[in-house]
Amino acid sequence: MRLNKFNPANIRVRDQRGNGGRGFPGGGGGKLGCGTIAIVLVAALVFGADPGEMLAGLDQIDQGTQQQPVPQGQGASTTGESCALNQYSTEACAHLASLDETWEPLFREAGIRFQQPVLNFYDGRGMSGCGSAMSQMGPFYCPGDMGIYIDTSFYDTMEQQMRAGGDFARAYVMAHEYGHHVQNLTGLAAQIRSAQQQDPQASNQLQVRMELQADCYAGVWAAKNADRIEPGDIEEGLTAAHAIGDDTLMRNAGQRPVEAAFTHGSSEQRMQWLRTGLRTGDEDQCDTFADLRR
């Protein structure tokens, strides 16, 4: 995918690289949340880590955070420097700028207040407004501070362990996380969290629908920027969507897929909704909750 030229002054970026995860000004007070446990479970399947050990490690990091605050920004002192640190950083910043430019007019037309998310770089360990971040968790969105968090080494993991490399695969990851920001701004995310609290047994099913909608939104963004799509891009995105399907992750971990344990959707579902966004370019077609209202 050809990258847009962008002005670093027009995007919001924080850089924790070099901080070692020991501090985040105005952070979340060491609270897990915002899908952290679901992310940890997926990470355990991909990396073979013990979920209990990962959660214990998160608690230790949180305690250390409260005791040893460290100023942010040791990775780079300006947004321009952060975005230029390496190829992955430049791509992520360019994708963020394009996503802002694509979604802001849609919110304006709908009469909904728009606010840019913050792209947060970290390496190994970091802190978010939802608590600790670990590279094994992969990219995630925190509604508490409207932040997209990423250790760009995840892209190497995608390519080497998941066989899901390529620039459009990386764009899909960023656009998916941005889709969660869209859900947050529209109020859908809050509605789903409330519904999950009222009906814990439906929690996973509702979470899956949230993830599939974010996949669809990623496709919508790509469709609205079709002039920058290159040969092979769509295949890269679909390969990535397949690789991170719950059933594929479980099989690769030597486990039998259990639909009740899904948190992000099957490979086929993820590809289906990414295709829907790509084919229609219409965010209104991304209603993964439609059948629940019938």
Foldseek 3Di string as FASTA:
>chain_A
DDFDDDDLVPAAEWEQAPVLAQADPPAQLAAADQCQLVLLVLLCLQVVDDSVVVVVVQSVSSVSNVVDHDDTDPVHPGSVCQCVVDDLSVLLSRLLRLVCVVVVVVCVVVVFDDDRAYEYEYAQKHTHNNGIDGQSSAWAADLSRSYIYHHSCVQVSCCPRLVQHDSLLSSLSSQLRVLVSVCSRVVNVVVLVVVCVVPVQCNQVSLQLSSLLSLLSSLLSCQVVVVRDDPPNLVSNLSSLQSSAQCNSQVSSVHHDDVSSGRHHHSVSSSVSNVNNNVPSDSVSSNSCVVVVD
